[in-house]
Amino acid sequence: MKKLGLIIACLWCVAGQLMAQQSKFMKVKGRDIIGTDGKPFLIKGTNLGNWLVPEGYMFKFQNTNSPKMITKPLPN
């Protein structure tokens, strides 16, 4: 009975490994992201982070370059 349980456990593990290898998940190989089709997956996008933060070069200020220095003279 113990041998049968061991055999079933081994088959369960092997089946799990085979299913995991054939799953529809992306993988990482070194520095590349591999898609479900086995080809490198290229991530494309745009970063809009901090796009509302004023910087000195935007307004051609000479001595003011940080957002804190720009908003400091404004009244509350």
PDB file of N, CA and C in Angstrom:
ATOM      1  N   MET A   1       0.814  -1.194   0.000  1.00  0.00           N
ATOM      2  CA  MET A   1       0.000   0.000   0.000  1.00  0.00           C
ATOM      3  C   MET A   1       0.860   1.260   0.000  1.00  0.00           C
ATOM      4  N   LYS A   2       1.968   1.218   0.767  1.00  0.00           N
ATOM      5  CA  LYS A   2       2.852   2.378   0.807  1.00  0.00           C
ATOM      6  C   LYS A   2       3.502   2.611  -0.549  1.00  0.00           C
ATOM      7  N   LYS A   3       3.835   1.509  -1.246  1.00  0.00           N
ATOM      8  CA  LYS A   3       4.462   1.649  -2.567  1.00  0.00           C
ATOM      9  C   LYS A   3       3.494   2.285  -3.558  1.00  0.00           C
ATOM     10  N   LEU A   4       2.232   1.899  -3.475  1.00  0.00           N
ATOM     11  CA  LEU A   4       1.237   2.479  -4.373  1.00  0.00           C
ATOM     12  C   LEU A   4       1.076   3.974  -4.112  1.00  0.00           C
ATOM     13  N   GLY A   5       1.051   4.361  -2.854  1.00  0.00           N
ATOM     14  CA  GLY A   5       0.960   5.780  -2.506  1.00  0.00           C
ATOM     15  C   GLY A   5       2.178   6.552  -2.989  1.00  0.00           C
ATOM     16  N   LEU A   6       3.352   5.947  -2.875  1.00  0.00           N
ATOM     17  CA  LEU A   6       4.580   6.586  -3.344  1.00  0.00           C
ATOM     18  C   LEU A   6       4.567   6.743  -4.861  1.00  0.00           C
ATOM     19  N   ILE A   7       4.101   5.732  -5.550  1.00  0.00           N
ATOM     20  CA  ILE A   7       4.032   5.792  -7.014  1.00  0.00           C
ATOM     21  C   ILE A   7       3.042   6.879  -7.448  1.00  0.00           C
ATOM     22  N   ILE A   8       1.899   6.921  -6.788  1.00  0.00           N
ATOM     23  CA  ILE A   8       0.901   7.951  -7.131  1.00  0.00           C
ATOM     24  C   ILE A   8       1.449   9.353  -6.847  1.00  0.00           C
ATOM     25  N   ALA A   9       2.169   9.518  -5.745  1.00  0.00           N
ATOM     26  CA  ALA A   9       2.757  10.821  -5.426  1.00  0.00           C
ATOM     27  C   ALA A   9       3.794  11.222  -6.463  1.00  0.00           C
ATOM     28  N   CYS A  10       4.612  10.266  -6.901  1.00  0.00           N
ATOM     29  CA  CYS A  10       5.623  10.567  -7.926  1.00  0.00           C
ATOM     30  C   CYS A  10       4.963  10.943  -9.248  1.00  0.00           C
ATOM     31  N   LEU A  11       3.934  10.190  -9.642  1.00  0.00           N
ATOM     32  CA  LEU A  11       3.227  10.518 -10.884  1.00  0.00           C
ATOM     33  C   LEU A  11       2.560  11.886 -10.802  1.00  0.00           C
ATOM     34  N   TRP A  12       2.033  12.198  -9.631  1.00  0.00           N
ATOM     35  CA  TRP A  12       1.403  13.505  -9.422  1.00  0.00           C
ATOM     36  C   TRP A  12       2.418  14.621  -9.604  1.00  0.00           C
ATOM     37  N   CYS A  13       3.620  14.439  -9.055  1.00  0.00           N
ATOM     38  CA  CYS A  13       4.674  15.458  -9.182  1.00  0.00           C
ATOM     39  C   CYS A  13       5.136  15.608 -10.623  1.00  0.00           C
ATOM     40  N   VAL A  14       5.307  14.488 -11.320  1.00  0.00           N
ATOM     41  CA  VAL A  14       5.736  14.536 -12.725  1.00  0.00           C
ATOM     42  C   VAL A  14       4.665  15.210 -13.572  1.00  0.00           C
ATOM     43  N   ALA A  15       3.408  14.869 -13.338  1.00  0.00           N
ATOM     44  CA  ALA A  15       2.319  15.488 -14.097  1.00  0.00           C
ATOM     45  C   ALA A  15       2.262  16.991 -13.816  1.00  0.00           C
ATOM     46  N   GLY A  16       2.483  17.381 -12.581  1.00  0.00           N
ATOM     47  CA  GLY A  16       2.500  18.803 -12.232  1.00  0.00           C
ATOM     48  C   GLY A  16       3.616  19.545 -12.933  1.00  0.00           C
ATOM     49  N   GLN A  17       4.779  18.917 -13.014  1.00  0.00           N
ATOM     50  CA  GLN A  17       5.903  19.542 -13.711  1.00  0.00           C
ATOM     51  C   GLN A  17       5.604  19.696 -15.204  1.00  0.00           C
ATOM     52  N   LEU A  18       5.027  18.683 -15.812  1.00  0.00           N
ATOM     53  CA  LEU A  18       4.698  18.764 -17.240  1.00  0.00           C
ATOM     54  C   LEU A  18       3.646  19.841 -17.503  1.00  0.00           C
ATOM     55  N   MET A  19       2.663  19.934 -16.639  1.00  0.00           N
ATOM     56  CA  MET A  19       1.630  20.956 -16.813  1.00  0.00           C
ATOM     57  C   MET A  19       2.204  22.352 -16.601  1.00  0.00           C
ATOM     58  N   ALA A  20       3.129  22.499 -15.676  1.00  0.00           N
ATOM     59  CA  ALA A  20       3.739  23.803 -15.420  1.00  0.00           C
ATOM     60  C   ALA A  20       4.584  24.241 -16.602  1.00  0.00           C
ATOM     61  N   GLN A  21       5.240  23.305 -17.253  1.00  0.00           N
ATOM     62  CA  GLN A  21       6.070  23.645 -18.405  1.00  0.00           C
ATOM     63  C   GLN A  21       5.225  24.031 -19.612  1.00  0.00           C
ATOM     64  N   GLN A  22       4.022  23.510 -19.699  1.00  0.00           N
ATOM     65  CA  GLN A  22       3.161  23.799 -20.839  1.00  0.00           C
ATOM     66  C   GLN A  22       2.145  24.897 -20.533  1.00  0.00           C
ATOM     67  N   SER A  23       2.285  25.563 -19.428  1.00  0.00           N
ATOM     68  CA  SER A  23       1.302  26.573 -19.040  1.00  0.00           C
ATOM     69  C   SER A  23       1.459  27.840 -19.877  1.00  0.00           C
ATOM     70  N   LYS A  24       0.488  28.708 -19.768  1.00  0.00           N
ATOM     71  CA  LYS A  24       0.462  29.955 -20.535  1.00  0.00           C
ATOM     72  C   LYS A  24       1.004  31.116 -19.710  1.00  0.00           C
ATOM     73  N   PHE A  25       2.151  30.921 -19.107  1.00  0.00           N
ATOM     74  CA  PHE A  25       2.781  31.972 -18.321  1.00  0.00           C
ATOM     75  C   PHE A  25       4.041  32.460 -19.019  1.00  0.00           C
ATOM     76  N   MET A  26       4.383  33.705 -18.777  1.00  0.00           N
ATOM     77  CA  MET A  26       5.646  34.235 -19.274  1.00  0.00           C
ATOM     78  C   MET A  26       6.762  33.771 -18.358  1.00  0.00           C
ATOM     79  N   LYS A  27       7.953  33.696 -18.903  1.00  0.00           N
ATOM     80  CA  LYS A  27       9.098  33.231 -18.130  1.00  0.00           C
ATOM     81  C   LYS A  27      10.230  34.232 -18.269  1.00  0.00           C
ATOM     82  N   VAL A  28      11.210  34.112 -17.399  1.00  0.00           N
ATOM     83  CA  VAL A  28      12.406  34.941 -17.459  1.00  0.00           C
ATOM     84  C   VAL A  28      13.585  34.038 -17.755  1.00  0.00           C
ATOM     85  N   LYS A  29      14.341  34.403 -18.777  1.00  0.00           N
ATOM     86  CA  LYS A  29      15.542  33.661 -19.121  1.00  0.00           C
ATOM     87  C   LYS A  29      16.691  34.670 -19.190  1.00  0.00           C
ATOM     88  N   GLY A  30      17.498  34.703 -18.137  1.00  0.00           N
ATOM     89  CA  GLY A  30      18.555  35.707 -18.061  1.00  0.00           C
ATOM     90  C   GLY A  30      17.941  37.080 -17.884  1.00  0.00           C
ATOM     91  N   ARG A  31      18.216  37.975 -18.823  1.00  0.00           N
ATOM     92  CA  ARG A  31      17.658  39.331 -18.771  1.00  0.00           C
ATOM     93  C   ARG A  31      16.446  39.488 -19.678  1.00  0.00           C
ATOM     94  N   ASP A  32      16.037  38.407 -20.352  1.00  0.00           N
ATOM     95  CA  ASP A  32      14.926  38.473 -21.293  1.00  0.00           C
ATOM     96  C   ASP A  32      13.643  37.953 -20.665  1.00  0.00           C
ATOM     97  N   ILE A  33      12.529  38.526 -21.086  1.00  0.00           N
ATOM     98  CA  ILE A  33      11.216  38.019 -20.726  1.00  0.00           C
ATOM     99  C   ILE A  33      10.723  37.216 -21.919  1.00  0.00           C
ATOM    100  N   ILE A  34      10.397  35.960 -21.689  1.00  0.00           N
ATOM    101  CA  ILE A  34       9.980  35.074 -22.764  1.00  0.00           C
ATOM    102  C   ILE A  34       8.470  34.935 -22.710  1.00  0.00           C
ATOM    103  N   GLY A  35       7.811  35.186 -23.838  1.00  0.00           N
ATOM    104  CA  GLY A  35       6.359  35.103 -23.909  1.00  0.00           C
ATOM    105  C   GLY A  35       5.880  33.672 -23.970  1.00  0.00           C
ATOM    106  N   THR A  36       4.568  33.488 -24.044  1.00  0.00           N
ATOM    107  CA  THR A  36       3.986  32.151 -24.067  1.00  0.00           C
ATOM    108  C   THR A  36       4.299  31.407 -25.362  1.00  0.00           C
ATOM    109  N   ASP A  37       4.671  32.143 -26.401  1.00  0.00           N
ATOM    110  CA  ASP A  37       5.010  31.507 -27.669  1.00  0.00           C
ATOM    111  C   ASP A  37       6.484  31.141 -27.764  1.00  0.00           C
ATOM    112  N   GLY A  38       7.266  31.421 -26.712  1.00  0.00           N
ATOM    113  CA  GLY A  38       8.681  31.067 -26.699  1.00  0.00           C
ATOM    114  C   GLY A  38       9.592  32.145 -27.278  1.00  0.00           C
ATOM    115  N   LYS A  39       9.015  33.241 -27.735  1.00  0.00           N
ATOM    116  CA  LYS A  39       9.805  34.334 -28.311  1.00  0.00           C
ATOM    117  C   LYS A  39       9.997  35.420 -27.257  1.00  0.00           C
ATOM    118  N   PRO A  40      11.071  36.219 -27.384  1.00  0.00           N
ATOM    119  CA  PRO A  40      11.267  37.323 -26.426  1.00  0.00           C
ATOM    120  C   PRO A  40      10.098  38.300 -26.476  1.00  0.00           C
ATOM    121  N   PHE A  41       9.637  38.704 -25.302  1.00  0.00           N
ATOM    122  CA  PHE A  41       8.512  39.623 -25.176  1.00  0.00           C
ATOM    123  C   PHE A  41       9.059  41.018 -24.942  1.00  0.00           C
ATOM    124  N   LEU A  42       8.734  41.948 -25.819  1.00  0.00           N
ATOM    125  CA  LEU A  42       9.203  43.319 -25.705  1.00  0.00           C
ATOM    126  C   LEU A  42       8.117  44.171 -25.063  1.00  0.00           C
ATOM    127  N   ILE A  43       8.461  44.821 -23.974  1.00  0.00           N
ATOM    128  CA  ILE A  43       7.513  45.675 -23.271  1.00  0.00           C
ATOM    129  C   ILE A  43       7.606  47.082 -23.866  1.00  0.00           C
ATOM    130  N   LYS A  44       6.472  47.608 -24.271  1.00  0.00           N
ATOM    131  CA  LYS A  44       6.421  48.957 -24.833  1.00  0.00           C
ATOM    132  C   LYS A  44       5.453  49.782 -24.003  1.00  0.00           C
ATOM    133  N   GLY A  45       5.814  51.023 -23.741  1.00  0.00           N
ATOM    134  CA  GLY A  45       4.927  51.862 -22.958  1.00  0.00           C
ATOM    135  C   GLY A  45       5.479  53.266 -22.825  1.00  0.00           C
ATOM    136  N   THR A  46       4.728  54.083 -22.144  1.00  0.00           N
ATOM    137  CA  THR A  46       5.100  55.474 -21.918  1.00  0.00           C
ATOM    138  C   THR A  46       5.002  55.767 -20.435  1.00  0.00           C
ATOM    139  N   ASN A  47       5.976  56.464 -19.918  1.00  0.00           N
ATOM    140  CA  ASN A  47       5.974  56.834 -18.514  1.00  0.00           C
ATOM    141  C   ASN A  47       5.558  58.295 -18.403  1.00  0.00           C
ATOM    142  N   LEU A  48       4.463  58.541 -17.708  1.00  0.00           N
ATOM    143  CA  LEU A  48       3.996  59.900 -17.495  1.00  0.00           C
ATOM    144  C   LEU A  48       4.238  60.351 -16.065  1.00  0.00           C
ATOM    145  N   GLY A  49       5.126  59.672 -15.363  1.00  0.00           N
ATOM    146  CA  GLY A  49       5.405  60.027 -13.978  1.00  0.00           C
ATOM    147  C   GLY A  49       5.981  61.426 -13.868  1.00  0.00           C
ATOM    148  N   ASN A  50       5.499  62.170 -12.896  1.00  0.00           N
ATOM    149  CA  ASN A  50       5.957  63.524 -12.601  1.00  0.00           C
ATOM    150  C   ASN A  50       5.722  64.517 -13.734  1.00  0.00           C
ATOM    151  N   TRP A  51       4.768  64.278 -14.586  1.00  0.00           N
ATOM    152  CA  TRP A  51       4.571  65.189 -15.710  1.00  0.00           C
ATOM    153  C   TRP A  51       3.887  66.485 -15.302  1.00  0.00           C
ATOM    154  N   LEU A  52       3.324  66.537 -14.093  1.00  0.00           N
ATOM    155  CA  LEU A  52       2.731  67.778 -13.615  1.00  0.00           C
ATOM    156  C   LEU A  52       3.654  68.539 -12.665  1.00  0.00           C
ATOM    157  N   VAL A  53       4.859  68.046 -12.469  1.00  0.00           N
ATOM    158  CA  VAL A  53       5.794  68.694 -11.554  1.00  0.00           C
ATOM    159  C   VAL A  53       6.558  69.769 -12.335  1.00  0.00           C
ATOM    160  N   PRO A  54       6.429  71.033 -11.948  1.00  0.00           N
ATOM    161  CA  PRO A  54       7.145  72.086 -12.668  1.00  0.00           C
ATOM    162  C   PRO A  54       8.641  72.045 -12.362  1.00  0.00           C
ATOM    163  N   GLU A  55       9.440  72.260 -13.367  1.00  0.00           N
ATOM    164  CA  GLU A  55      10.891  72.318 -13.203  1.00  0.00           C
ATOM    165  C   GLU A  55      11.378  73.656 -13.748  1.00  0.00           C
ATOM    166  N   GLY A  56      12.493  74.129 -13.234  1.00  0.00           N
ATOM    167  CA  GLY A  56      13.003  75.436 -13.606  1.00  0.00           C
ATOM    168  C   GLY A  56      13.277  75.596 -15.084  1.00  0.00           C
ATOM    169  N   TYR A  57      13.781  74.555 -15.741  1.00  0.00           N
ATOM    170  CA  TYR A  57      14.118  74.679 -17.161  1.00  0.00           C
ATOM    171  C   TYR A  57      12.872  74.862 -18.026  1.00  0.00           C
ATOM    172  N   MET A  58      11.701  74.444 -17.520  1.00  0.00           N
ATOM    173  CA  MET A  58      10.470  74.593 -18.297  1.00  0.00           C
ATOM    174  C   MET A  58      10.072  76.051 -18.470  1.00  0.00           C
ATOM    175  N   PHE A  59      10.396  76.857 -17.472  1.00  0.00           N
ATOM    176  CA  PHE A  59      10.011  78.260 -17.481  1.00  0.00           C
ATOM    177  C   PHE A  59      11.197  79.181 -17.724  1.00  0.00           C
ATOM    178  N   LYS A  60      12.345  78.598 -18.015  1.00  0.00           N
ATOM    179  CA  LYS A  60      13.582  79.336 -18.288  1.00  0.00           C
ATOM    180  C   LYS A  60      13.995  80.219 -17.119  1.00  0.00           C
ATOM    181  N   PHE A  61      13.787  79.698 -15.873  1.00  0.00           N
ATOM    182  CA  PHE A  61      14.253  80.405 -14.680  1.00  0.00           C
ATOM    183  C   PHE A  61      15.763  80.233 -14.571  1.00  0.00           C
ATOM    184  N   GLN A  62      16.439  81.261 -14.111  1.00  0.00           N
ATOM    185  CA  GLN A  62      17.890  81.203 -13.974  1.00  0.00           C
ATOM    186  C   GLN A  62      18.327  80.563 -12.649  1.00  0.00           C
ATOM    187  N   ASN A  63      17.746  80.994 -11.533  1.00  0.00           N
ATOM    188  CA  ASN A  63      18.205  80.547 -10.217  1.00  0.00           C
ATOM    189  C   ASN A  63      17.256  79.558  -9.543  1.00  0.00           C
ATOM    190  N   THR A  64      16.132  79.309 -10.120  1.00  0.00           N
ATOM    191  CA  THR A  64      15.148  78.419  -9.516  1.00  0.00           C
ATOM    192  C   THR A  64      15.080  77.147 -10.340  1.00  0.00           C
ATOM    193  N   ASN A  65      15.317  75.997  -9.690  1.00  0.00           N
ATOM    194  CA  ASN A  65      15.300  74.761 -10.460  1.00  0.00           C
ATOM    195  C   ASN A  65      14.462  73.652  -9.833  1.00  0.00           C
ATOM    196  N   SER A  66      14.006  73.811  -8.597  1.00  0.00           N
ATOM    197  CA  SER A  66      13.216  72.751  -7.976  1.00  0.00           C
ATOM    198  C   SER A  66      11.761  73.187  -7.858  1.00  0.00           C
ATOM    199  N   PRO A  67      10.828  72.228  -7.854  1.00  0.00           N
ATOM    200  CA  PRO A  67       9.409  72.582  -7.716  1.00  0.00           C
ATOM    201  C   PRO A  67       9.115  73.342  -6.427  1.00  0.00           C
ATOM    202  N   LYS A  68       9.824  73.025  -5.357  1.00  0.00           N
ATOM    203  CA  LYS A  68       9.601  73.712  -4.082  1.00  0.00           C
ATOM    204  C   LYS A  68       9.961  75.191  -4.182  1.00  0.00           C
ATOM    205  N   MET A  69      11.043  75.499  -4.880  1.00  0.00           N
ATOM    206  CA  MET A  69      11.456  76.896  -5.032  1.00  0.00           C
ATOM    207  C   MET A  69      10.510  77.657  -5.963  1.00  0.00           C
ATOM    208  N   ILE A  70       9.872  76.958  -6.894  1.00  0.00           N
ATOM    209  CA  ILE A  70       8.944  77.611  -7.814  1.00  0.00           C
ATOM    210  C   ILE A  70       7.645  77.967  -7.094  1.00  0.00           C
ATOM    211  N   THR A  71       7.123  77.050  -6.267  1.00  0.00           N
ATOM    212  CA  THR A  71       5.842  77.300  -5.590  1.00  0.00           C
ATOM    213  C   THR A  71       5.977  78.106  -4.321  1.00  0.00           C
ATOM    214  N   LYS A  72       7.187  78.314  -3.811  1.00  0.00           N
ATOM    215  CA  LYS A  72       7.393  79.034  -2.562  1.00  0.00           C
ATOM    216  C   LYS A  72       6.886  80.481  -2.618  1.00  0.00           C
ATOM    217  N   PRO A  73       7.161  81.236  -3.670  1.00  0.00           N
ATOM    218  CA  PRO A  73       6.693  82.630  -3.683  1.00  0.00           C
ATOM    219  C   PRO A  73       5.200  82.789  -3.929  1.00  0.00           C
ATOM    220  N   LEU A  74       4.512  81.740  -4.316  1.00  0.00           N
ATOM    221  CA  LEU A  74       3.065  81.834  -4.606  1.00  0.00           C
ATOM    222  C   LEU A  74       2.285  81.917  -3.298  1.00  0.00           C
ATOM    223  N   PRO A  75       1.223  82.733  -3.273  1.00  0.00           N
ATOM    224  CA  PRO A  75       0.390  82.793  -2.059  1.00  0.00           C
ATOM    225  C   PRO A  75      -0.438  81.528  -1.914  1.00  0.00           C
ATOM    226  N   ASN A  76      -0.778  81.193  -0.679  1.00  0.00           N
ATOM    227  CA  ASN A  76      -1.572  79.971  -0.433  1.00  0.00           C
ATOM    228  C   ASN A  76      -2.983  80.156  -0.805  1.00  0.00           C
TER     229      ASN A  76
END
